[in-house]
Amino acid sequence: MSWVILALPKGAVGSGWRRLLAPAVLVLALLGIWELYVELGGVDPLVLPPPHAIASAVYTDRSVLWSSFLVTAKEVLLGIGAGVLVALVLAAGIHFSRTLRRAVYPLLIASQAIPIPVIAPVFLIWLGFGLLPKLAIIALVAFFPVVVTTLAALETIDPELLKLLRTFDASRLQAFRRVELPAALPGVFTGAKLAAVFSVIAAVFAEQSGSSSGLGYLFTIDDAQFLAADAFAAVAILSIFAIALFALLAAAERRALPWAYQSQKGTDNP
């Protein structure tokens, strides 16, 4: 292991540890406060189990949690993919057509105000009790932040640059493909990171509305049986999954858009 560390650039190990140290210390402090609060009688463990009980439940039920996680992860990943695809098509259409913006945008906002328990039975009737209604619910939640952030990024593009492209006889579609879409990618990634977090919550609601597997279903069963530690174990897995998705998208953004991060670094360090 020592030769791997020596092969890294000077300062890479130290900077990496420094980035992880602050959140690690904060998490440990919060877990310690949580543990003491429950142990000192601040709340009934049947309502809020202590962290050590949740960790024990994660280890004891690891096989069930893993199989349930695979179901939920599949739903979330497919739902995010569908939601982002729909969002990009809608954002492009709204960007090109002011009439479409006036007609569709209010409906997009209204779609986010509908509680999932209200819309879920409708999807179940239309799509059955398989994977499709869950994907529809997750995509419904995932697409909106991508639409909003993508449109916001498209609106920040310098109009003078578009005028310059027109002087070179660039078509509207060419201007969009060569200038507007690349400039909007930071907004797309920002929306996708938000969608990743919201989609995990949506998957739980989707599984609670009609499912026989997944972490949301497992949480519902454990909660109904007053198995608080087991229910919180499912929540812990969901939280870790959401953090991992966010981190993966952030890493993909840095790799796909190095120019955006270089400009930020140049601003921070003149």
C-alpha atoms as a PDB file:
ATOM      1  CA  MET A   1       0.000   0.000   0.000  1.00  0.00           C
ATOM      2  CA  SER A   2       2.867   2.376   0.754  1.00  0.00           C
ATOM      3  CA  TRP A   3       4.095   2.338  -2.841  1.00  0.00           C
ATOM      4  CA  VAL A   4       0.635   3.449  -4.026  1.00  0.00           C
ATOM      5  CA  ILE A   5       0.716   6.438  -1.697  1.00  0.00           C
ATOM      6  CA  LEU A   6       4.244   7.342  -2.807  1.00  0.00           C
ATOM      7  CA  ALA A   7       3.164   7.200  -6.452  1.00  0.00           C
ATOM      8  CA  LEU A   8       0.482   9.843  -5.913  1.00  0.00           C
ATOM      9  CA  PRO A   9       1.254  13.512  -6.632  1.00  0.00           C
ATOM     10  CA  LYS A  10       2.729  15.462  -3.773  1.00  0.00           C
ATOM     11  CA  GLY A  11      -0.013  16.794  -1.529  1.00  0.00           C
ATOM     12  CA  ALA A  12      -2.756  14.609  -3.074  1.00  0.00           C
ATOM     13  CA  VAL A  13      -3.122  12.375  -0.034  1.00  0.00           C
ATOM     14  CA  GLY A  14      -3.158  15.247   2.428  1.00  0.00           C
ATOM     15  CA  SER A  15      -5.675  17.277   0.437  1.00  0.00           C
ATOM     16  CA  GLY A  16      -7.934  14.251   0.051  1.00  0.00           C
ATOM     17  CA  TRP A  17      -7.899  13.529   3.775  1.00  0.00           C
ATOM     18  CA  ARG A  18      -8.579  17.182   4.573  1.00  0.00           C
ATOM     19  CA  ARG A  19     -11.661  17.162   2.354  1.00  0.00           C
ATOM     20  CA  LEU A  20     -12.999  14.064   4.128  1.00  0.00           C
ATOM     21  CA  LEU A  21     -12.032  15.043   7.663  1.00  0.00           C
ATOM     22  CA  ALA A  22     -14.590  17.812   8.253  1.00  0.00           C
ATOM     23  CA  PRO A  23     -17.704  15.852   7.138  1.00  0.00           C
ATOM     24  CA  ALA A  24     -16.469  12.726   8.950  1.00  0.00           C
ATOM     25  CA  VAL A  25     -16.015  14.623  12.221  1.00  0.00           C
ATOM     26  CA  LEU A  26     -19.427  16.265  11.843  1.00  0.00           C
ATOM     27  CA  VAL A  27     -21.175  12.940  11.159  1.00  0.00           C
ATOM     28  CA  LEU A  28     -19.484  11.293  14.146  1.00  0.00           C
ATOM     29  CA  ALA A  29     -20.446  14.211  16.382  1.00  0.00           C
ATOM     30  CA  LEU A  30     -24.090  14.059  15.272  1.00  0.00           C
ATOM     31  CA  LEU A  31     -24.202  10.288  15.784  1.00  0.00           C
ATOM     32  CA  GLY A  32     -22.723  10.730  19.265  1.00  0.00           C
ATOM     33  CA  ILE A  33     -25.323  13.347  20.187  1.00  0.00           C
ATOM     34  CA  TRP A  34     -28.073  11.115  18.788  1.00  0.00           C
ATOM     35  CA  GLU A  35     -26.818   8.130  20.792  1.00  0.00           C
ATOM     36  CA  LEU A  36     -26.632  10.101  24.034  1.00  0.00           C
ATOM     37  CA  TYR A  37     -30.052  11.662  23.480  1.00  0.00           C
ATOM     38  CA  VAL A  38     -31.722   8.264  23.152  1.00  0.00           C
ATOM     39  CA  GLU A  39     -29.704   6.607  25.932  1.00  0.00           C
ATOM     40  CA  LEU A  40     -30.476   9.417  28.397  1.00  0.00           C
ATOM     41  CA  GLY A  41     -34.201   8.963  27.828  1.00  0.00           C
ATOM     42  CA  GLY A  42     -34.842  11.866  25.512  1.00  0.00           C
ATOM     43  CA  VAL A  43     -37.045   9.700  23.301  1.00  0.00           C
ATOM     44  CA  ASP A  44     -38.435   6.174  23.245  1.00  0.00           C
ATOM     45  CA  PRO A  45     -36.130   3.826  21.248  1.00  0.00           C
ATOM     46  CA  LEU A  46     -39.258   2.421  19.600  1.00  0.00           C
ATOM     47  CA  VAL A  47     -39.738   5.852  18.029  1.00  0.00           C
ATOM     48  CA  LEU A  48     -36.097   6.807  17.432  1.00  0.00           C
ATOM     49  CA  PRO A  49     -33.637   3.909  17.802  1.00  0.00           C
ATOM     50  CA  PRO A  50     -30.020   4.722  18.714  1.00  0.00           C
ATOM     51  CA  PRO A  51     -27.354   4.529  16.002  1.00  0.00           C
ATOM     52  CA  HIS A  52     -25.794   1.355  17.431  1.00  0.00           C
ATOM     53  CA  ALA A  53     -29.157  -0.449  17.144  1.00  0.00           C
ATOM     54  CA  ILE A  54     -29.517   0.684  13.524  1.00  0.00           C
ATOM     55  CA  ALA A  55     -25.975  -0.473  12.720  1.00  0.00           C
ATOM     56  CA  SER A  56     -26.743  -3.836  14.315  1.00  0.00           C
ATOM     57  CA  ALA A  57     -29.923  -4.139  12.227  1.00  0.00           C
ATOM     58  CA  VAL A  58     -27.979  -3.328   9.054  1.00  0.00           C
ATOM     59  CA  TYR A  59     -25.557  -6.153   9.797  1.00  0.00           C
ATOM     60  CA  THR A  60     -28.202  -8.656  10.928  1.00  0.00           C
ATOM     61  CA  ASP A  61     -30.539  -7.996   7.973  1.00  0.00           C
ATOM     62  CA  ARG A  62     -27.800  -7.402   5.407  1.00  0.00           C
ATOM     63  CA  SER A  63     -29.046 -10.068   2.983  1.00  0.00           C
ATOM     64  CA  VAL A  64     -32.628  -8.767   2.990  1.00  0.00           C
ATOM     65  CA  LEU A  65     -31.453  -5.168   2.783  1.00  0.00           C
ATOM     66  CA  TRP A  66     -29.149  -5.980  -0.130  1.00  0.00           C
ATOM     67  CA  SER A  67     -31.831  -7.732  -2.167  1.00  0.00           C
ATOM     68  CA  SER A  68     -34.278  -4.910  -1.434  1.00  0.00           C
ATOM     69  CA  PHE A  69     -31.654  -2.313  -2.331  1.00  0.00           C
ATOM     70  CA  LEU A  70     -31.069  -3.903  -5.737  1.00  0.00           C
ATOM     71  CA  VAL A  71     -34.780  -3.554  -6.517  1.00  0.00           C
ATOM     72  CA  THR A  72     -34.917   0.085  -5.427  1.00  0.00           C
ATOM     73  CA  ALA A  73     -31.634   0.971  -7.152  1.00  0.00           C
ATOM     74  CA  LYS A  74     -32.911  -0.416 -10.454  1.00  0.00           C
ATOM     75  CA  GLU A  75     -36.113   1.622 -10.156  1.00  0.00           C
ATOM     76  CA  VAL A  76     -34.251   4.812  -9.260  1.00  0.00           C
ATOM     77  CA  LEU A  77     -31.643   4.555 -12.013  1.00  0.00           C
ATOM     78  CA  LEU A  78     -34.184   3.768 -14.723  1.00  0.00           C
ATOM     79  CA  GLY A  79     -36.542   6.447 -13.418  1.00  0.00           C
ATOM     80  CA  ILE A  80     -33.808   9.093 -13.391  1.00  0.00           C
ATOM     81  CA  GLY A  81     -32.795   8.144 -16.921  1.00  0.00           C
ATOM     82  CA  ALA A  82     -36.372   8.446 -18.167  1.00  0.00           C
ATOM     83  CA  GLY A  83     -36.933  11.689 -16.268  1.00  0.00           C
ATOM     84  CA  VAL A  84     -33.764  13.346 -17.578  1.00  0.00           C
ATOM     85  CA  LEU A  85     -34.575  12.331 -21.148  1.00  0.00           C
ATOM     86  CA  VAL A  86     -38.083  13.768 -20.915  1.00  0.00           C
ATOM     87  CA  ALA A  87     -36.705  16.892 -19.235  1.00  0.00           C
ATOM     88  CA  LEU A  88     -34.170  17.579 -21.985  1.00  0.00           C
ATOM     89  CA  VAL A  89     -36.805  17.229 -24.705  1.00  0.00           C
ATOM     90  CA  LEU A  90     -39.198  19.530 -22.837  1.00  0.00           C
ATOM     91  CA  ALA A  91     -36.497  22.080 -22.052  1.00  0.00           C
ATOM     92  CA  ALA A  92     -35.435  22.237 -25.697  1.00  0.00           C
ATOM     93  CA  GLY A  93     -39.033  22.588 -26.872  1.00  0.00           C
ATOM     94  CA  ILE A  94     -39.813  25.310 -24.342  1.00  0.00           C
ATOM     95  CA  HIS A  95     -36.589  27.116 -25.225  1.00  0.00           C
ATOM     96  CA  PHE A  96     -37.423  27.141 -28.931  1.00  0.00           C
ATOM     97  CA  SER A  97     -41.097  28.094 -28.561  1.00  0.00           C
ATOM     98  CA  ARG A  98     -42.481  30.860 -26.383  1.00  0.00           C
ATOM     99  CA  THR A  99     -45.985  29.580 -27.121  1.00  0.00           C
ATOM    100  CA  LEU A 100     -45.044  26.168 -25.776  1.00  0.00           C
ATOM    101  CA  ARG A 101     -43.498  27.814 -22.712  1.00  0.00           C
ATOM    102  CA  ARG A 102     -46.708  29.691 -21.930  1.00  0.00           C
ATOM    103  CA  ALA A 103     -48.827  26.583 -22.480  1.00  0.00           C
ATOM    104  CA  VAL A 104     -46.711  23.880 -20.828  1.00  0.00           C
ATOM    105  CA  TYR A 105     -44.701  25.540 -18.061  1.00  0.00           C
ATOM    106  CA  PRO A 106     -47.696  26.110 -15.720  1.00  0.00           C
ATOM    107  CA  LEU A 107     -48.658  22.450 -16.149  1.00  0.00           C
ATOM    108  CA  LEU A 108     -45.133  21.333 -15.292  1.00  0.00           C
ATOM    109  CA  ILE A 109     -45.273  23.352 -12.080  1.00  0.00           C
ATOM    110  CA  ALA A 110     -48.714  21.966 -11.244  1.00  0.00           C
ATOM    111  CA  SER A 111     -47.488  18.406 -11.744  1.00  0.00           C
ATOM    112  CA  GLN A 112     -45.069  18.860  -8.838  1.00  0.00           C
ATOM    113  CA  ALA A 113     -47.854  19.970  -6.497  1.00  0.00           C
ATOM    114  CA  ILE A 114     -49.771  16.689  -6.839  1.00  0.00           C
ATOM    115  CA  PRO A 115     -49.048  14.417  -3.830  1.00  0.00           C
ATOM    116  CA  ILE A 116     -47.620  11.053  -4.845  1.00  0.00           C
ATOM    117  CA  PRO A 117     -50.267   9.096  -2.844  1.00  0.00           C
ATOM    118  CA  VAL A 118     -52.895  10.812  -5.020  1.00  0.00           C
ATOM    119  CA  ILE A 119     -51.299  10.123  -8.406  1.00  0.00           C
ATOM    120  CA  ALA A 120     -49.896   6.656  -7.609  1.00  0.00           C
ATOM    121  CA  PRO A 121     -53.259   4.812  -7.778  1.00  0.00           C
ATOM    122  CA  VAL A 122     -53.891   6.364 -11.197  1.00  0.00           C
ATOM    123  CA  PHE A 123     -50.558   5.048 -12.496  1.00  0.00           C
ATOM    124  CA  LEU A 124     -51.348   1.638 -10.996  1.00  0.00           C
ATOM    125  CA  ILE A 125     -54.649   1.519 -12.865  1.00  0.00           C
ATOM    126  CA  TRP A 126     -53.048   2.621 -16.129  1.00  0.00           C
ATOM    127  CA  LEU A 127     -49.796   0.658 -15.953  1.00  0.00           C
ATOM    128  CA  GLY A 128     -50.474  -2.254 -13.613  1.00  0.00           C
ATOM    129  CA  PHE A 129     -48.514  -3.355 -10.559  1.00  0.00           C
ATOM    130  CA  GLY A 130     -45.145  -4.014 -12.199  1.00  0.00           C
ATOM    131  CA  LEU A 131     -42.123  -1.803 -12.742  1.00  0.00           C
ATOM    132  CA  LEU A 132     -43.730   0.769 -15.044  1.00  0.00           C
ATOM    133  CA  PRO A 133     -45.863   2.692 -12.500  1.00  0.00           C
ATOM    134  CA  LYS A 134     -42.846   3.077 -10.216  1.00  0.00           C
ATOM    135  CA  LEU A 135     -40.747   4.388 -13.098  1.00  0.00           C
ATOM    136  CA  ALA A 136     -43.518   6.830 -13.989  1.00  0.00           C
ATOM    137  CA  ILE A 137     -43.650   8.185 -10.431  1.00  0.00           C
ATOM    138  CA  ILE A 138     -39.863   8.537 -10.178  1.00  0.00           C
ATOM    139  CA  ALA A 139     -39.600  10.149 -13.623  1.00  0.00           C
ATOM    140  CA  LEU A 140     -42.407  12.566 -12.696  1.00  0.00           C
ATOM    141  CA  VAL A 141     -40.376  13.749  -9.712  1.00  0.00           C
ATOM    142  CA  ALA A 142     -36.990  13.639 -11.475  1.00  0.00           C
ATOM    143  CA  PHE A 143     -37.730  15.594 -14.640  1.00  0.00           C
ATOM    144  CA  PHE A 144     -38.779  18.915 -13.112  1.00  0.00           C
ATOM    145  CA  PRO A 145     -35.473  20.072 -11.537  1.00  0.00           C
ATOM    146  CA  VAL A 146     -33.656  19.196 -14.778  1.00  0.00           C
ATOM    147  CA  VAL A 147     -36.119  21.259 -16.833  1.00  0.00           C
ATOM    148  CA  VAL A 148     -35.818  24.276 -14.527  1.00  0.00           C
ATOM    149  CA  THR A 149     -32.021  24.304 -14.246  1.00  0.00           C
ATOM    150  CA  THR A 150     -31.520  23.619 -17.963  1.00  0.00           C
ATOM    151  CA  LEU A 151     -33.819  26.474 -18.971  1.00  0.00           C
ATOM    152  CA  ALA A 152     -32.098  28.772 -16.486  1.00  0.00           C
ATOM    153  CA  ALA A 153     -28.718  27.896 -18.010  1.00  0.00           C
ATOM    154  CA  LEU A 154     -30.004  28.454 -21.549  1.00  0.00           C
ATOM    155  CA  GLU A 155     -31.286  31.909 -20.606  1.00  0.00           C
ATOM    156  CA  THR A 156     -27.843  33.031 -19.388  1.00  0.00           C
ATOM    157  CA  ILE A 157     -26.197  32.652 -22.791  1.00  0.00           C
ATOM    158  CA  ASP A 158     -24.934  35.925 -24.238  1.00  0.00           C
ATOM    159  CA  PRO A 159     -27.352  36.967 -27.028  1.00  0.00           C
ATOM    160  CA  GLU A 160     -24.505  38.746 -28.796  1.00  0.00           C
ATOM    161  CA  LEU A 161     -22.827  35.402 -29.305  1.00  0.00           C
ATOM    162  CA  LEU A 162     -25.945  34.063 -31.019  1.00  0.00           C
ATOM    163  CA  LYS A 163     -26.048  37.140 -33.241  1.00  0.00           C
ATOM    164  CA  LEU A 164     -22.430  36.501 -34.198  1.00  0.00           C
ATOM    165  CA  LEU A 165     -23.313  32.936 -35.217  1.00  0.00           C
ATOM    166  CA  ARG A 166     -26.139  34.225 -37.397  1.00  0.00           C
ATOM    167  CA  THR A 167     -23.697  36.479 -39.225  1.00  0.00           C
ATOM    168  CA  PHE A 168     -21.844  33.292 -40.208  1.00  0.00           C
ATOM    169  CA  ASP A 169     -25.132  31.849 -41.567  1.00  0.00           C
ATOM    170  CA  ALA A 170     -25.481  29.333 -38.723  1.00  0.00           C
ATOM    171  CA  SER A 171     -28.979  27.926 -38.510  1.00  0.00           C
ATOM    172  CA  ARG A 172     -31.000  28.021 -35.278  1.00  0.00           C
ATOM    173  CA  LEU A 173     -30.422  24.314 -34.773  1.00  0.00           C
ATOM    174  CA  GLN A 174     -26.677  24.653 -35.373  1.00  0.00           C
ATOM    175  CA  ALA A 175     -26.458  27.468 -32.834  1.00  0.00           C
ATOM    176  CA  PHE A 176     -28.301  25.342 -30.310  1.00  0.00           C
ATOM    177  CA  ARG A 177     -26.132  22.288 -30.909  1.00  0.00           C
ATOM    178  CA  ARG A 178     -22.766  24.060 -30.990  1.00  0.00           C
ATOM    179  CA  VAL A 179     -23.224  26.829 -28.415  1.00  0.00           C
ATOM    180  CA  GLU A 180     -26.425  26.717 -26.375  1.00  0.00           C
ATOM    181  CA  LEU A 181     -26.466  23.015 -25.492  1.00  0.00           C
ATOM    182  CA  PRO A 182     -22.805  22.861 -24.344  1.00  0.00           C
ATOM    183  CA  ALA A 183     -23.320  26.029 -22.316  1.00  0.00           C
ATOM    184  CA  ALA A 184     -26.409  24.502 -20.678  1.00  0.00           C
ATOM    185  CA  LEU A 185     -24.650  21.305 -19.565  1.00  0.00           C
ATOM    186  CA  PRO A 186     -23.743  22.660 -16.106  1.00  0.00           C
ATOM    187  CA  GLY A 187     -27.441  23.327 -15.561  1.00  0.00           C
ATOM    188  CA  VAL A 188     -28.301  19.821 -16.768  1.00  0.00           C
ATOM    189  CA  PHE A 189     -25.884  18.282 -14.272  1.00  0.00           C
ATOM    190  CA  THR A 190     -27.174  20.498 -11.462  1.00  0.00           C
ATOM    191  CA  GLY A 191     -30.719  19.379 -12.155  1.00  0.00           C
ATOM    192  CA  ALA A 192     -29.647  15.753 -12.438  1.00  0.00           C
ATOM    193  CA  LYS A 193     -27.969  15.891  -9.014  1.00  0.00           C
ATOM    194  CA  LEU A 194     -31.155  17.282  -7.483  1.00  0.00           C
ATOM    195  CA  ALA A 195     -33.207  14.685  -9.332  1.00  0.00           C
ATOM    196  CA  ALA A 196     -31.018  11.893  -7.954  1.00  0.00           C
ATOM    197  CA  VAL A 197     -31.877  12.856  -4.382  1.00  0.00           C
ATOM    198  CA  PHE A 198     -35.577  13.439  -5.041  1.00  0.00           C
ATOM    199  CA  SER A 199     -35.857  10.179  -6.976  1.00  0.00           C
ATOM    200  CA  VAL A 200     -34.816   8.123  -3.949  1.00  0.00           C
ATOM    201  CA  ILE A 201     -37.680   9.666  -1.974  1.00  0.00           C
ATOM    202  CA  ALA A 202     -40.058   9.096  -4.882  1.00  0.00           C
ATOM    203  CA  ALA A 203     -39.037   5.432  -5.082  1.00  0.00           C
ATOM    204  CA  VAL A 204     -40.024   4.936  -1.436  1.00  0.00           C
ATOM    205  CA  PHE A 205     -43.460   6.450  -2.029  1.00  0.00           C
ATOM    206  CA  ALA A 206     -43.866   4.413  -5.210  1.00  0.00           C
ATOM    207  CA  GLU A 207     -43.054   1.160  -3.393  1.00  0.00           C
ATOM    208  CA  GLN A 208     -45.339   2.046  -0.506  1.00  0.00           C
ATOM    209  CA  SER A 209     -48.212   2.633  -2.933  1.00  0.00           C
ATOM    210  CA  GLY A 210     -48.045  -0.821  -4.478  1.00  0.00           C
ATOM    211  CA  SER A 211     -45.092  -3.175  -4.292  1.00  0.00           C
ATOM    212  CA  SER A 212     -43.907  -6.428  -2.752  1.00  0.00           C
ATOM    213  CA  SER A 213     -40.181  -5.628  -2.754  1.00  0.00           C
ATOM    214  CA  GLY A 214     -37.706  -2.790  -2.387  1.00  0.00           C
ATOM    215  CA  LEU A 215     -36.452  -0.706   0.516  1.00  0.00           C
ATOM    216  CA  GLY A 216     -39.631   1.374   0.615  1.00  0.00           C
ATOM    217  CA  TYR A 217     -41.732  -1.767   0.963  1.00  0.00           C
ATOM    218  CA  LEU A 218     -39.338  -3.133   3.593  1.00  0.00           C
ATOM    219  CA  PHE A 219     -39.551   0.122   5.554  1.00  0.00           C
ATOM    220  CA  THR A 220     -43.361  -0.014   5.490  1.00  0.00           C
ATOM    221  CA  ILE A 221     -43.450  -3.605   6.780  1.00  0.00           C
ATOM    222  CA  ASP A 222     -40.908  -2.972   9.542  1.00  0.00           C
ATOM    223  CA  ASP A 223     -42.599   0.255  10.609  1.00  0.00           C
ATOM    224  CA  ALA A 224     -45.998  -1.447  10.813  1.00  0.00           C
ATOM    225  CA  GLN A 225     -44.479  -4.138  13.067  1.00  0.00           C
ATOM    226  CA  PHE A 226     -42.800  -1.521  15.324  1.00  0.00           C
ATOM    227  CA  LEU A 227     -39.333  -2.705  14.277  1.00  0.00           C
ATOM    228  CA  ALA A 228     -37.882   0.795  14.440  1.00  0.00           C
ATOM    229  CA  ALA A 229     -34.217  -0.209  14.129  1.00  0.00           C
ATOM    230  CA  ASP A 230     -34.948  -2.352  11.057  1.00  0.00           C
ATOM    231  CA  ALA A 231     -36.997   0.447   9.484  1.00  0.00           C
ATOM    232  CA  PHE A 232     -34.220   2.975  10.118  1.00  0.00           C
ATOM    233  CA  ALA A 233     -31.700   0.530   8.659  1.00  0.00           C
ATOM    234  CA  ALA A 234     -33.591   0.746   5.352  1.00  0.00           C
ATOM    235  CA  VAL A 235     -33.562   4.551   5.641  1.00  0.00           C
ATOM    236  CA  ALA A 236     -29.807   4.498   6.269  1.00  0.00           C
ATOM    237  CA  ILE A 237     -29.240   2.483   3.092  1.00  0.00           C
ATOM    238  CA  LEU A 238     -31.420   4.918   1.144  1.00  0.00           C
ATOM    239  CA  SER A 239     -29.454   7.883   2.511  1.00  0.00           C
ATOM    240  CA  ILE A 240     -26.111   6.342   1.579  1.00  0.00           C
ATOM    241  CA  PHE A 241     -27.452   5.533  -1.889  1.00  0.00           C
ATOM    242  CA  ALA A 242     -28.601   9.136  -2.416  1.00  0.00           C
ATOM    243  CA  ILE A 243     -25.193  10.471  -1.331  1.00  0.00           C
ATOM    244  CA  ALA A 244     -23.426   8.026  -3.648  1.00  0.00           C
ATOM    245  CA  LEU A 245     -25.595   9.014  -6.622  1.00  0.00           C
ATOM    246  CA  PHE A 246     -24.967  12.703  -5.975  1.00  0.00           C
ATOM    247  CA  ALA A 247     -21.215  12.120  -5.670  1.00  0.00           C
ATOM    248  CA  LEU A 248     -21.079  10.044  -8.865  1.00  0.00           C
ATOM    249  CA  LEU A 249     -22.918  12.729 -10.828  1.00  0.00           C
ATOM    250  CA  ALA A 250     -20.613  15.401  -9.387  1.00  0.00           C
ATOM    251  CA  ALA A 251     -17.578  13.353 -10.453  1.00  0.00           C
ATOM    252  CA  ALA A 252     -19.073  12.840 -13.925  1.00  0.00           C
ATOM    253  CA  GLU A 253     -19.703  16.570 -14.188  1.00  0.00           C
ATOM    254  CA  ARG A 254     -16.090  17.360 -13.319  1.00  0.00           C
ATOM    255  CA  ARG A 255     -14.876  14.897 -15.925  1.00  0.00           C
ATOM    256  CA  ALA A 256     -17.303  15.987 -18.660  1.00  0.00           C
ATOM    257  CA  LEU A 257     -17.002  19.742 -18.023  1.00  0.00           C
ATOM    258  CA  PRO A 258     -13.420  20.422 -16.902  1.00  0.00           C
ATOM    259  CA  TRP A 259     -13.563  23.887 -18.451  1.00  0.00           C
ATOM    260  CA  ALA A 260     -16.339  24.926 -16.052  1.00  0.00           C
ATOM    261  CA  TYR A 261     -14.310  23.924 -12.998  1.00  0.00           C
ATOM    262  CA  GLN A 262     -11.141  25.494 -14.371  1.00  0.00           C
ATOM    263  CA  SER A 263     -12.936  28.824 -14.744  1.00  0.00           C
ATOM    264  CA  GLN A 264     -14.250  28.552 -11.191  1.00  0.00           C
ATOM    265  CA  LYS A 265     -10.751  27.765  -9.906  1.00  0.00           C
ATOM    266  CA  GLY A 266      -9.370  30.727 -11.751  1.00  0.00           C
ATOM    267  CA  THR A 267     -12.003  32.965 -10.161  1.00  0.00           C
ATOM    268  CA  ASP A 268     -11.303  31.649  -6.663  1.00  0.00           C
ATOM    269  CA  ASN A 269      -7.525  31.888  -7.050  1.00  0.00           C
ATOM    270  CA  PRO A 270      -6.648  34.951  -9.141  1.00  0.00           C
END
